[in-house]
Amino acid sequence: MGGMAAWVAATLLVVLGVASVATAQLETCNGDLPPMLAANYSGLACQPVWNNFVLRYHQDKNNVLRIVLSTLYSTGWVGMGFSRDGLMIGSSAMVGWIGKKGLPHIRQFALRGKSSSKVVVDRGFLVSNDHDHTVVVQQAKIYLAFQLRFSYRLTHQHIIMAFGNSIPVKNKLTRHQDKTSFTFDFTTGRASVDGSFPYGLRRAHGALNVFAWGVLMPIGAILARYFRRMDPLWFYLHVGVQFVGFIIGLAGVVAGVALYNKIQADIPAHRGLGIFVLFLGILQILAFFLRPNADSKYRKYWNWYHHWAGRLALFFAAVNIVLGIHVGGADNSWKIGYGFNLSVILVAVIALEFMLWTRWSRTAPPPRRTRNLLRVVVVAATRSSP
């Protein structure tokens, strides 16, 4: 009985401990700001936004936004980014940290890419004065305080938050340990994840086009070039695979258009190549309906047009897939997956091409000079026979 009572008491202590921790996390807005921030950053609205991140803010009539971002801190850096389209690439961020000598640092960074060399210090579209920025560490919490001036009143704004465990050296940020993105309404204080960025639509756009133009279309082309001995099966397989690939690719284009309408991403090279590849795909569909008879004098021109339009479509589609994976900020699984798929296709094409040329060399008639020499030998042998 005594053992049961001890177990119940221990359980209650654990539950109360967890509850107290949860309550402490929920009441992070109740704490006071450090004294050195109270003068310029008092009276701010407060909202917990992510993990232990708390956002304090106020926007005055001159569209000056005062921000205090706080979170638990031991070492490394903490950042808050402002994005125009929900993407990390192209955004600008205020990043703060305590250096190895104990000095506070807060700088603006332009996030032009995912590599460290593409994160450029003292660049970006945020307008501010350096003397308005402050970093304070108090009671294992870091406070980033800064003021930004906008030409308009902020309402719904795409926000990116991240932190890293390594102290920046020479203003070079290391890769983040964790990050999040959301849309924050500075008029109501509400954060919404669902409207920040259409990740599902971006994933659908990429997956549909990779499968269509990176898998099915090359397979259809391989069937047409290397399996003609399986006549007429190769033709029906070629047409069927290419048609299914075009429909799936068209669905990927529709997803891409919807994605562009949502985020207005300024990626003209990717969009332009996509339109060009779609145009070549439409030409290939038209080629099926305009295919002349095998004995037509126009057949060789049709073959030339069909073959080269298809090769161009596959080449530029591969280029655009690589470009899309890069600008879309896809993780390594996409890069490794498509790289493996492309390698398999290239190895298969090289092997099949070698086998095709070997077969041609065995079945091709001898050159004209060799045929003439054989004819002379035969004639001479005939005349010399009794």
Protein backbone atom coordinates (compact mmCIF):
# COMPACT_ATOMS: atom_id res chain seq x y z
CA MET A 1 0.00 0.00 0.00
CA GLY A 2 2.86 2.31 0.91
CA GLY A 3 4.54 1.47 -2.42
CA MET A 4 1.36 2.36 -4.34
CA ALA A 5 1.12 5.68 -2.51
CA ALA A 6 4.74 6.49 -3.32
CA TRP A 7 4.13 5.67 -6.99
CA VAL A 8 1.04 7.90 -7.09
CA ALA A 9 2.94 10.72 -5.40
CA ALA A 10 5.82 10.40 -7.88
CA THR A 11 3.37 10.41 -10.80
CA LEU A 12 1.70 13.55 -9.47
CA LEU A 13 5.07 15.28 -9.13
CA VAL A 14 5.96 14.43 -12.73
CA VAL A 15 2.58 15.63 -13.99
CA LEU A 16 2.86 18.84 -12.00
CA GLY A 17 6.40 19.34 -13.27
CA VAL A 18 5.33 18.92 -16.89
CA ALA A 19 2.37 21.20 -16.32
CA SER A 20 4.58 23.87 -14.78
CA VAL A 21 6.98 23.69 -17.76
CA ALA A 22 4.09 23.92 -20.21
CA THR A 23 2.63 26.83 -18.27
CA ALA A 24 6.01 28.56 -18.30
CA GLN A 25 6.19 28.14 -22.06
CA LEU A 26 2.67 29.47 -22.51
CA GLU A 27 3.34 32.51 -20.34
CA THR A 28 6.44 33.72 -22.16
CA CYS A 29 4.69 36.99 -23.05
CA ASN A 30 4.26 37.80 -19.34
CA GLY A 31 7.96 38.34 -18.78
CA ASP A 32 9.44 41.82 -18.77
CA LEU A 33 11.90 43.04 -21.36
CA PRO A 34 15.50 43.67 -20.29
CA PRO A 35 15.90 47.16 -18.79
CA MET A 36 18.04 48.43 -21.66
CA LEU A 37 15.20 47.70 -24.12
CA ALA A 38 12.38 49.14 -22.03
CA ALA A 39 12.89 52.73 -23.17
CA ASN A 40 12.49 52.16 -26.92
CA TYR A 41 10.51 48.93 -27.02
CA SER A 42 7.88 49.17 -24.30
CA GLY A 43 4.17 48.76 -25.03
CA LEU A 44 4.62 46.22 -27.83
CA ALA A 45 2.03 43.61 -28.71
CA CYS A 46 3.26 40.09 -27.95
CA GLN A 47 2.63 36.74 -29.59
CA PRO A 48 4.34 33.32 -29.22
CA VAL A 49 4.95 32.16 -32.78
CA TRP A 50 7.14 29.04 -32.89
CA ASN A 51 8.70 26.74 -30.30
CA ASN A 52 10.19 29.18 -27.74
CA PHE A 53 10.19 32.10 -30.18
CA VAL A 54 8.19 35.10 -29.02
CA LEU A 55 7.47 38.06 -31.28
CA ARG A 56 6.85 41.52 -29.83
CA TYR A 57 5.89 44.19 -32.35
CA HIS A 58 4.32 47.58 -32.98
CA GLN A 59 3.74 49.50 -36.20
CA ASP A 60 3.24 53.26 -35.94
CA LYS A 61 1.49 55.70 -38.26
CA ASN A 62 4.73 56.28 -40.21
CA ASN A 63 4.92 52.55 -41.04
CA VAL A 64 7.92 52.05 -38.76
CA LEU A 65 7.83 48.53 -37.38
CA ARG A 66 9.47 47.91 -34.01
CA ILE A 67 10.37 44.27 -33.41
CA VAL A 68 11.71 42.36 -30.43
CA LEU A 69 12.28 38.67 -31.16
CA SER A 70 13.21 36.51 -28.16
CA THR A 71 13.97 32.85 -27.60
CA LEU A 72 16.07 30.54 -25.44
CA TYR A 73 19.75 30.91 -26.21
CA SER A 74 23.08 29.36 -25.37
CA THR A 75 25.19 29.92 -28.49
CA GLY A 76 24.88 30.32 -32.25
CA TRP A 77 22.63 32.73 -34.15
CA VAL A 78 18.92 33.61 -34.37
CA GLY A 79 17.22 35.16 -37.39
CA MET A 80 13.91 36.58 -38.60
CA GLY A 81 13.36 36.89 -42.34
CA PHE A 82 10.88 38.88 -44.39
CA SER A 83 9.86 37.23 -47.67
CA ARG A 84 7.83 38.62 -50.55
CA ASP A 85 6.64 35.23 -51.80
CA GLY A 86 7.09 32.77 -48.92
CA LEU A 87 10.41 31.50 -50.24
CA MET A 88 13.66 31.69 -48.33
CA ILE A 89 15.59 32.54 -51.48
CA GLY A 90 15.04 36.21 -52.26
CA SER A 91 14.15 37.19 -48.71
CA SER A 92 15.97 39.53 -46.31
CA ALA A 93 16.64 38.68 -42.67
CA MET A 94 17.75 40.32 -39.46
CA VAL A 95 20.17 37.98 -37.69
CA GLY A 96 21.65 38.37 -34.22
CA TRP A 97 24.22 36.54 -32.13
CA ILE A 98 26.77 36.91 -29.36
CA GLY A 99 30.32 36.61 -30.67
CA LYS A 100 33.12 34.53 -29.21
CA LYS A 101 34.40 37.58 -27.33
CA GLY A 102 30.99 38.22 -25.81
CA LEU A 103 30.11 41.15 -28.08
CA PRO A 104 26.57 41.43 -29.51
CA HIS A 105 26.04 41.44 -33.28
CA ILE A 106 22.95 42.09 -35.38
CA ARG A 107 23.12 42.46 -39.16
CA GLN A 108 20.87 42.31 -42.19
CA PHE A 109 21.46 39.47 -44.67
CA ALA A 110 20.22 39.00 -48.22
CA LEU A 111 19.31 35.33 -48.72
CA ARG A 112 20.18 34.83 -52.39
CA GLY A 113 20.66 31.08 -52.16
CA LYS A 114 21.11 28.15 -49.80
CA SER A 115 24.91 28.06 -49.73
CA SER A 116 26.87 30.19 -47.29
CA SER A 117 28.36 32.25 -50.13
CA LYS A 118 24.85 33.24 -51.26
CA VAL A 119 23.92 34.68 -47.85
CA VAL A 120 25.30 38.21 -48.18
CA VAL A 121 25.76 40.48 -45.17
CA ASP A 122 24.59 44.11 -45.17
CA ARG A 123 22.41 43.52 -48.22
CA GLY A 124 18.65 43.18 -48.57
CA PHE A 125 15.47 45.15 -49.12
CA LEU A 126 14.80 46.00 -45.46
CA VAL A 127 15.17 49.72 -44.68
CA SER A 128 16.58 50.52 -41.25
CA ASN A 129 19.22 52.42 -39.29
CA ASP A 130 22.02 50.42 -37.73
CA HIS A 131 21.85 52.40 -34.48
CA ASP A 132 18.28 51.17 -33.97
CA HIS A 133 19.44 47.54 -33.65
CA THR A 134 20.23 45.89 -30.32
CA VAL A 135 21.00 42.37 -29.10
CA VAL A 136 20.67 41.50 -25.42
CA VAL A 137 21.13 38.19 -23.60
CA GLN A 138 19.48 37.86 -20.20
CA GLN A 139 18.57 34.78 -18.18
CA ALA A 140 19.42 32.32 -21.00
CA LYS A 141 17.28 34.28 -23.47
CA ILE A 142 18.39 36.33 -26.46
CA TYR A 143 16.48 39.44 -27.51
CA LEU A 144 16.83 40.83 -31.05
CA ALA A 145 15.47 44.38 -31.13
CA PHE A 146 15.32 46.33 -34.39
CA GLN A 147 13.24 48.89 -36.26
CA LEU A 148 12.26 48.70 -39.93
CA ARG A 149 10.67 51.32 -42.14
CA PHE A 150 8.22 50.30 -44.85
CA SER A 151 6.59 52.32 -47.61
CA TYR A 152 3.23 50.76 -46.76
CA ARG A 153 1.42 49.43 -43.73
CA LEU A 154 2.18 45.76 -43.13
CA THR A 155 -0.78 43.43 -42.83
CA HIS A 156 -0.19 39.84 -43.93
CA GLN A 157 3.55 39.28 -44.17
CA HIS A 158 5.52 36.12 -45.01
CA ILE A 159 7.90 35.48 -42.11
CA ILE A 160 10.80 33.04 -41.90
CA MET A 161 12.44 32.15 -38.58
CA ALA A 162 15.55 30.07 -38.05
CA PHE A 163 18.43 29.44 -35.71
CA GLY A 164 21.87 27.88 -35.90
CA ASN A 165 24.13 26.38 -33.27
CA SER A 166 27.44 27.81 -34.54
CA ILE A 167 28.68 31.34 -33.95
CA PRO A 168 29.16 33.19 -37.26
CA VAL A 169 32.77 33.93 -38.14
CA LYS A 170 33.46 37.01 -40.27
CA ASN A 171 29.68 37.43 -40.74
CA LYS A 172 29.36 34.02 -42.45
CA LEU A 173 26.23 32.19 -41.34
CA THR A 174 26.37 28.44 -40.91
CA ARG A 175 23.50 26.19 -41.97
CA HIS A 176 20.41 26.54 -39.78
CA GLN A 177 19.61 23.91 -37.18
CA ASP A 178 15.89 24.40 -37.68
CA LYS A 179 13.55 26.82 -39.43
CA THR A 180 9.90 27.59 -40.08
CA SER A 181 7.83 29.88 -42.24
CA PHE A 182 4.36 31.31 -41.78
CA THR A 183 2.19 34.30 -42.60
CA PHE A 184 1.85 36.80 -39.78
CA ASP A 185 -0.95 39.36 -39.61
CA PHE A 186 0.49 42.46 -37.94
CA THR A 187 -3.01 43.90 -37.48
CA THR A 188 -4.51 40.97 -35.55
CA GLY A 189 -1.39 39.16 -34.30
CA ARG A 190 -2.39 35.86 -35.86
CA ALA A 191 0.06 33.48 -37.50
CA SER A 192 -1.11 30.98 -40.10
CA VAL A 193 1.00 28.21 -41.56
CA ASP A 194 -1.49 27.00 -44.14
CA GLY A 195 -1.40 30.20 -46.18
CA SER A 196 2.31 30.90 -46.04
CA PHE A 197 3.52 28.82 -48.96
CA PRO A 198 1.87 26.13 -51.12
CA TYR A 199 4.43 23.39 -50.49
CA GLY A 200 2.06 20.66 -51.71
CA LEU A 201 1.49 22.46 -55.00
CA ARG A 202 5.22 22.95 -55.49
CA ARG A 203 5.83 19.26 -54.76
CA ALA A 204 3.10 18.22 -57.22
CA HIS A 205 4.53 20.50 -59.93
CA GLY A 206 7.98 19.00 -59.51
CA ALA A 207 6.93 15.36 -59.17
CA LEU A 208 4.58 15.40 -62.17
CA ASN A 209 7.13 16.98 -64.47
CA VAL A 210 10.03 14.82 -63.30
CA PHE A 211 7.96 11.67 -63.88
CA ALA A 212 6.63 12.85 -67.25
CA TRP A 213 9.67 14.50 -68.83
CA GLY A 214 12.39 12.78 -66.84
CA VAL A 215 11.10 9.18 -66.87
CA LEU A 216 8.26 8.42 -69.29
CA MET A 217 9.35 10.57 -72.24
CA PRO A 218 12.92 9.16 -72.33
CA ILE A 219 11.53 5.61 -72.10
CA GLY A 220 9.22 6.33 -75.04
CA ALA A 221 12.14 7.65 -77.09
CA ILE A 222 14.23 4.57 -76.23
CA LEU A 223 11.42 2.30 -77.42
CA ALA A 224 11.24 4.09 -80.77
CA ARG A 225 14.97 3.97 -81.49
CA TYR A 226 16.14 0.61 -80.14
CA PHE A 227 13.18 -1.75 -80.33
CA ARG A 228 12.02 -1.42 -83.93
CA ARG A 229 12.51 -5.12 -84.52
CA MET A 230 9.41 -5.63 -82.35
CA ASP A 231 7.21 -4.24 -85.12
CA PRO A 232 4.45 -3.06 -84.72
CA LEU A 233 4.53 -3.37 -80.91
CA TRP A 234 7.25 -0.75 -80.55
CA PHE A 235 5.08 1.82 -82.33
CA TYR A 236 2.04 1.34 -80.10
CA LEU A 237 4.21 1.36 -76.98
CA HIS A 238 6.01 4.49 -78.15
CA VAL A 239 2.79 6.36 -78.90
CA GLY A 240 1.10 5.21 -75.69
CA VAL A 241 3.99 6.05 -73.37
CA GLN A 242 4.58 9.44 -74.97
CA PHE A 243 0.91 10.34 -74.85
CA VAL A 244 0.60 9.41 -71.17
CA GLY A 245 3.82 11.34 -70.47
CA PHE A 246 2.47 14.41 -72.24
CA ILE A 247 -0.80 14.33 -70.27
CA ILE A 248 1.07 14.01 -66.96
CA GLY A 249 3.49 16.76 -68.03
CA LEU A 250 0.55 18.97 -68.95
CA ALA A 251 -0.86 18.42 -65.45
CA GLY A 252 2.54 19.47 -64.10
CA VAL A 253 2.39 22.65 -66.18
CA VAL A 254 -1.09 23.42 -64.82
CA ALA A 255 0.27 22.95 -61.28
CA GLY A 256 3.15 25.27 -62.17
CA VAL A 257 0.80 27.97 -63.42
CA ALA A 258 -1.27 27.70 -60.24
CA LEU A 259 1.93 27.91 -58.18
CA TYR A 260 3.06 31.00 -60.07
CA ASN A 261 -0.32 32.68 -59.52
CA LYS A 262 0.01 32.07 -55.77
CA ILE A 263 3.59 33.17 -55.13
CA GLN A 264 4.47 35.24 -58.25
CA ALA A 265 7.99 33.78 -58.19
CA ASP A 266 10.29 35.67 -60.54
CA ILE A 267 12.13 32.79 -62.23
CA PRO A 268 12.05 33.70 -65.95
CA ALA A 269 14.60 31.06 -67.07
CA HIS A 270 12.63 28.17 -65.55
CA ARG A 271 9.32 29.50 -66.81
CA GLY A 272 10.69 30.23 -70.30
CA LEU A 273 12.24 26.78 -70.69
CA GLY A 274 9.02 25.20 -69.48
CA ILE A 275 6.99 27.02 -72.13
CA PHE A 276 9.51 26.04 -74.83
CA VAL A 277 9.45 22.37 -73.82
CA LEU A 278 5.64 22.41 -73.75
CA PHE A 279 5.63 23.92 -77.25
CA LEU A 280 7.91 21.13 -78.52
CA GLY A 281 5.66 18.58 -76.83
CA ILE A 282 2.62 19.98 -78.63
CA LEU A 283 4.52 19.76 -81.92
CA GLN A 284 5.17 16.08 -81.21
CA ILE A 285 1.49 15.44 -80.60
CA LEU A 286 0.66 17.18 -83.87
CA ALA A 287 3.31 15.07 -85.61
CA PHE A 288 1.29 11.93 -84.80
CA PHE A 289 -1.73 13.27 -86.68
CA LEU A 290 0.34 14.68 -89.58
CA ARG A 291 2.43 11.54 -90.12
CA PRO A 292 2.70 10.80 -93.89
CA ASN A 293 2.79 7.32 -95.37
CA ALA A 294 6.07 5.41 -95.41
CA ASP A 295 6.40 5.77 -99.22
CA SER A 296 5.58 9.49 -99.26
CA LYS A 297 8.29 11.83 -100.55
CA TYR A 298 7.67 14.02 -97.47
CA ARG A 299 8.33 11.19 -95.02
CA LYS A 300 12.05 11.90 -94.67
CA TYR A 301 11.32 15.55 -93.77
CA TRP A 302 8.74 14.43 -91.24
CA ASN A 303 11.25 12.00 -89.72
CA TRP A 304 13.86 14.75 -89.44
CA TYR A 305 11.39 17.11 -87.78
CA HIS A 306 9.96 14.47 -85.42
CA HIS A 307 13.34 13.12 -84.32
CA TRP A 308 15.04 16.44 -83.69
CA ALA A 309 12.05 18.10 -82.02
CA GLY A 310 11.88 15.14 -79.67
CA ARG A 311 15.60 15.27 -78.88
CA LEU A 312 15.45 19.00 -78.19
CA ALA A 313 12.41 18.53 -75.95
CA LEU A 314 14.14 15.85 -73.88
CA PHE A 315 17.38 17.84 -73.60
CA PHE A 316 15.77 21.10 -72.50
CA ALA A 317 13.36 19.22 -70.23
CA ALA A 318 16.35 17.68 -68.41
CA VAL A 319 17.97 21.13 -68.11
CA ASN A 320 14.75 22.62 -66.79
CA ILE A 321 14.26 19.82 -64.25
CA VAL A 322 17.73 20.48 -62.84
CA LEU A 323 17.02 24.21 -62.81
CA GLY A 324 13.66 23.67 -61.12
CA ILE A 325 15.18 21.49 -58.41
CA HIS A 326 17.76 24.20 -57.78
CA VAL A 327 15.53 27.29 -57.70
CA GLY A 328 12.76 25.43 -55.85
CA GLY A 329 15.08 24.75 -52.95
CA ALA A 330 14.51 20.98 -53.10
CA ASP A 331 16.34 18.84 -50.58
CA ASN A 332 19.02 16.27 -51.39
CA SER A 333 16.53 13.45 -51.96
CA TRP A 334 15.28 15.17 -55.12
CA LYS A 335 18.81 15.79 -56.38
CA ILE A 336 19.97 12.25 -55.66
CA GLY A 337 16.78 10.70 -57.05
CA TYR A 338 16.82 12.57 -60.34
CA GLY A 339 20.60 12.20 -60.67
CA PHE A 340 20.27 8.42 -60.27
CA ASN A 341 17.37 8.32 -62.76
CA LEU A 342 19.35 10.36 -65.31
CA SER A 343 22.42 8.17 -64.86
CA VAL A 344 20.43 4.97 -65.45
CA ILE A 345 18.90 6.41 -68.62
CA LEU A 346 22.28 7.57 -69.97
CA VAL A 347 23.93 4.21 -69.26
CA ALA A 348 21.02 2.37 -70.91
CA VAL A 349 21.18 4.61 -73.99
CA ILE A 350 24.94 4.14 -74.36
CA ALA A 351 24.63 0.35 -74.08
CA LEU A 352 21.67 0.15 -76.48
CA GLU A 353 23.38 2.49 -78.95
CA PHE A 354 26.49 0.30 -78.93
CA MET A 355 24.38 -2.81 -79.53
CA LEU A 356 22.52 -1.04 -82.36
CA TRP A 357 25.71 0.00 -84.16
CA THR A 358 27.14 -3.48 -83.71
CA ARG A 359 24.07 -5.00 -85.32
CA TRP A 360 24.17 -2.46 -88.15
CA SER A 361 27.82 -3.23 -88.87
CA ARG A 362 27.00 -6.93 -89.18
CA THR A 363 23.99 -6.53 -91.45
CA ALA A 364 25.09 -3.54 -93.55
CA PRO A 365 26.07 -4.30 -97.21
CA PRO A 366 29.77 -3.92 -98.10
CA PRO A 367 30.92 -0.58 -99.55
CA ARG A 368 30.61 0.03 -103.31
CA ARG A 369 34.36 -0.31 -103.92
CA THR A 370 34.38 -3.69 -102.18
CA ARG A 371 31.39 -4.83 -104.22
CA ASN A 372 33.09 -3.83 -107.48
CA LEU A 373 36.24 -5.70 -106.48
CA LEU A 374 34.22 -8.82 -105.70
CA ARG A 375 32.45 -8.55 -109.07
CA VAL A 376 35.82 -8.39 -110.91
CA VAL A 377 37.12 -11.41 -109.02
CA VAL A 378 33.98 -13.39 -109.84
CA VAL A 379 34.11 -12.47 -113.51
CA ALA A 380 37.82 -13.34 -113.74
CA ALA A 381 37.24 -16.65 -112.05
CA THR A 382 34.41 -17.44 -114.44
CA ARG A 383 36.52 -16.71 -117.55
CA SER A 384 39.46 -18.76 -116.35
CA SER A 385 37.38 -21.82 -115.63
CA PRO A 386 37.43 -24.54 -118.37
